[in-house]
Structure formats: C-alpha cells, structure tokens
Amino acid sequence: MTGARQGTTLVEVVVAMVLLSVILTALGGLTFTTARQMMKNTDAATLQAASLEAVNRFTTLPYATLSTAAGCDTTGTVNNRFERCVTVTASGSRSTLVEVVTTPLQRIEVASSTVRFTRAAPPGGNPLCLTC
C-alpha cells in the first residue's frame, strides 16, 4: 500500500487531547488568579471610596457641627460592607483633627483604612462686610 494516508490515528488524537488539556489547565489557573486579584482591587477601591465619601462630607460641614456629626455607620453593598467611624478631636483653638477609620466587615483581603486631616476654623467676622 503506497497510497496517501487518510484520516488521523488514535495516537495523534490522544496527543492533541493532552496538549489541549495542558493549555486549558494553564489558562484556567491564570483566569482564577486574575479574578482573585480583580476582587481584591475592587474591595480596595470600594474601601477607598467609602473613606473619601466621609472625608468629603466632613470637609463641607459647617465647622460648628463637626463634633455632632462624628460617629460610626455601615456602608457598601450586600456582599461588601464597611464600617466607618469618624472621630473629631480639637487640636487647638482654631483647628480640629478629623479621623476616618474604615474597616471591612465581610472580606478580610483588604486591611482597614485610616484617613486623618485637619480642619481649620473659619476666620471671625464676615470678610464681605466692610462695616461690620
């Protein structure tokens, strides 16, 4: 028999299946690692957004109401909740130290976040009134 060979042999099919399974296993592992890192990055971004939301709120509040607005609350989605605690401490006669601590409640992949900033008291009197 000197004619052209038709079809594939069982050995060729088995070798092709083994190569395909090795490649798919490697891609599966890479996909799992990438998905896990994405979840960690999403948690960190959500934690940072929750912290910055509290910081923005306390930078816009009137200075006299800072101490009454301090306290703890929970924020986030059903699967990704955070506890935010804000403390306000007078650091002089004309400034106040505000500290925002955000702690994850469900996932432990991301550490707590602490943001501290100083809020200065507004100047006395009305700068727009020249006769006051």
Protein backbone atom coordinates (compact mmCIF):
# COMPACT_ATOMS: atom_id res chain seq x y z
CA MET A 1 0.00 0.00 0.00
CA THR A 2 1.71 3.07 -1.24
CA GLY A 3 -1.33 5.37 -1.40
CA ALA A 4 -1.92 8.53 0.60
CA ARG A 5 -2.98 8.05 4.19
CA GLN A 6 -6.49 9.21 5.03
CA GLY A 7 -7.69 10.35 8.48
CA THR A 8 -5.83 10.50 11.77
CA THR A 9 -4.59 7.77 14.02
CA LEU A 10 -5.66 7.22 17.61
CA VAL A 11 -2.20 8.27 18.83
CA GLU A 12 -2.47 11.65 17.09
CA VAL A 13 -5.89 12.26 18.64
CA VAL A 14 -4.60 11.37 22.13
CA VAL A 15 -1.56 13.67 21.75
CA ALA A 16 -3.80 16.53 20.58
CA MET A 17 -6.17 15.99 23.54
CA VAL A 18 -3.26 16.01 26.01
CA LEU A 19 -1.86 19.25 24.56
CA LEU A 20 -5.30 20.85 24.64
CA SER A 21 -5.86 19.82 28.27
CA VAL A 22 -2.47 21.23 29.34
CA ILE A 23 -3.19 24.54 27.64
CA LEU A 24 -6.71 24.79 29.08
CA THR A 25 -5.47 23.94 32.59
CA ALA A 26 -2.86 26.71 32.38
CA LEU A 27 -5.46 29.21 31.15
CA GLY A 28 -7.87 28.17 33.90
CA GLY A 29 -5.24 28.82 36.57
CA LEU A 30 -4.40 32.20 35.07
CA THR A 31 -8.08 33.14 34.93
CA PHE A 32 -8.56 32.19 38.59
CA THR A 33 -5.54 34.27 39.68
CA THR A 34 -6.70 37.25 37.64
CA ALA A 35 -10.23 37.05 39.04
CA ARG A 36 -8.93 36.89 42.60
CA GLN A 37 -6.71 39.95 42.07
CA MET A 38 -9.64 41.79 40.49
CA MET A 39 -11.79 41.08 43.56
CA LYS A 40 -9.03 42.38 45.83
CA ASN A 41 -8.66 45.56 43.74
CA THR A 42 -12.43 46.08 43.74
CA ASP A 43 -12.52 45.75 47.54
CA ALA A 44 -9.68 48.25 47.91
CA ALA A 45 -11.37 50.74 45.56
CA THR A 46 -14.69 50.41 47.40
CA LEU A 47 -12.95 50.90 50.76
CA GLN A 48 -11.18 54.00 49.45
CA ALA A 49 -14.44 55.39 48.04
CA ALA A 50 -16.19 54.86 51.39
CA SER A 51 -13.35 56.67 53.19
CA LEU A 52 -13.29 59.57 50.75
CA GLU A 53 -17.05 59.95 50.94
CA ALA A 54 -16.76 60.57 54.69
CA VAL A 55 -13.79 62.91 54.20
CA ASN A 56 -15.70 64.95 51.61
CA ARG A 57 -18.73 65.13 53.89
CA PHE A 58 -16.68 66.40 56.83
CA THR A 59 -14.82 68.98 54.74
CA THR A 60 -18.11 70.55 53.66
CA LEU A 61 -19.94 70.50 57.00
CA PRO A 62 -20.09 73.76 58.96
CA TYR A 63 -17.23 73.92 61.44
CA ALA A 64 -19.52 74.23 64.47
CA THR A 65 -21.32 70.95 63.66
CA LEU A 66 -18.25 68.72 63.21
CA SER A 67 -18.34 67.17 66.67
CA THR A 68 -22.07 66.39 66.49
CA ALA A 69 -21.69 64.60 63.12
CA ALA A 70 -18.99 62.20 64.37
CA GLY A 71 -19.84 58.56 64.93
CA CYS A 72 -19.97 55.16 63.23
CA ASP A 73 -22.06 53.86 60.35
CA THR A 74 -22.03 51.00 57.85
CA THR A 75 -21.89 51.41 54.09
CA GLY A 76 -21.38 49.33 50.98
CA THR A 77 -23.21 46.64 49.07
CA VAL A 78 -24.74 43.40 50.33
CA ASN A 79 -21.56 41.39 49.71
CA ASN A 80 -19.07 44.13 50.52
CA ARG A 81 -19.91 46.10 53.67
CA PHE A 82 -17.69 48.51 55.58
CA GLU A 83 -17.88 50.19 58.97
CA ARG A 84 -16.85 53.84 59.03
CA CYS A 85 -16.01 55.51 62.33
CA VAL A 86 -15.31 59.24 62.40
CA THR A 87 -13.75 60.90 65.44
CA VAL A 88 -13.33 64.63 65.86
CA THR A 89 -10.69 66.00 68.25
CA ALA A 90 -9.94 69.65 68.93
CA SER A 91 -6.26 70.16 68.19
CA GLY A 92 -6.08 73.82 69.15
CA SER A 93 -8.28 76.86 69.41
CA ARG A 94 -8.53 77.31 65.64
CA SER A 95 -8.33 73.74 64.24
CA THR A 96 -9.86 70.30 64.61
CA LEU A 97 -8.40 66.89 63.77
CA VAL A 98 -10.81 64.58 61.95
CA GLU A 99 -10.01 60.85 61.70
CA VAL A 100 -11.94 58.43 59.47
CA VAL A 101 -11.35 54.68 60.05
CA THR A 102 -12.95 52.37 57.51
CA THR A 103 -12.96 48.63 58.30
CA PRO A 104 -14.20 45.81 56.02
CA LEU A 105 -16.91 43.73 57.69
CA GLN A 106 -17.11 40.69 55.40
CA ARG A 107 -13.98 40.18 53.33
CA ILE A 108 -10.59 40.04 55.00
CA GLU A 109 -8.46 40.52 51.86
CA VAL A 110 -8.22 44.29 52.41
CA ALA A 111 -6.85 45.95 55.55
CA SER A 112 -8.54 48.82 57.35
CA SER A 113 -8.02 52.35 56.11
CA THR A 114 -7.33 55.41 58.26
CA VAL A 115 -7.53 58.96 56.93
CA ARG A 116 -6.60 61.95 59.11
CA PHE A 117 -6.97 65.59 58.19
CA THR A 118 -7.09 68.91 59.98
CA ARG A 119 -9.98 71.27 59.52
CA ALA A 120 -9.27 74.91 60.30
CA ALA A 121 -11.86 77.13 61.92
CA PRO A 122 -13.28 79.83 59.66
CA PRO A 123 -12.00 83.34 60.22
CA GLY A 124 -14.02 85.52 62.58
CA GLY A 125 -16.40 88.05 61.11
CA ASN A 126 -17.72 88.36 57.59
CA PRO A 127 -14.96 89.14 55.07
CA LEU A 128 -17.54 90.57 52.64
CA CYS A 129 -18.92 93.12 55.08
CA LEU A 130 -16.74 96.24 55.32
CA THR A 131 -18.81 97.98 58.03
CA CYS A 132 -19.37 95.00 60.37
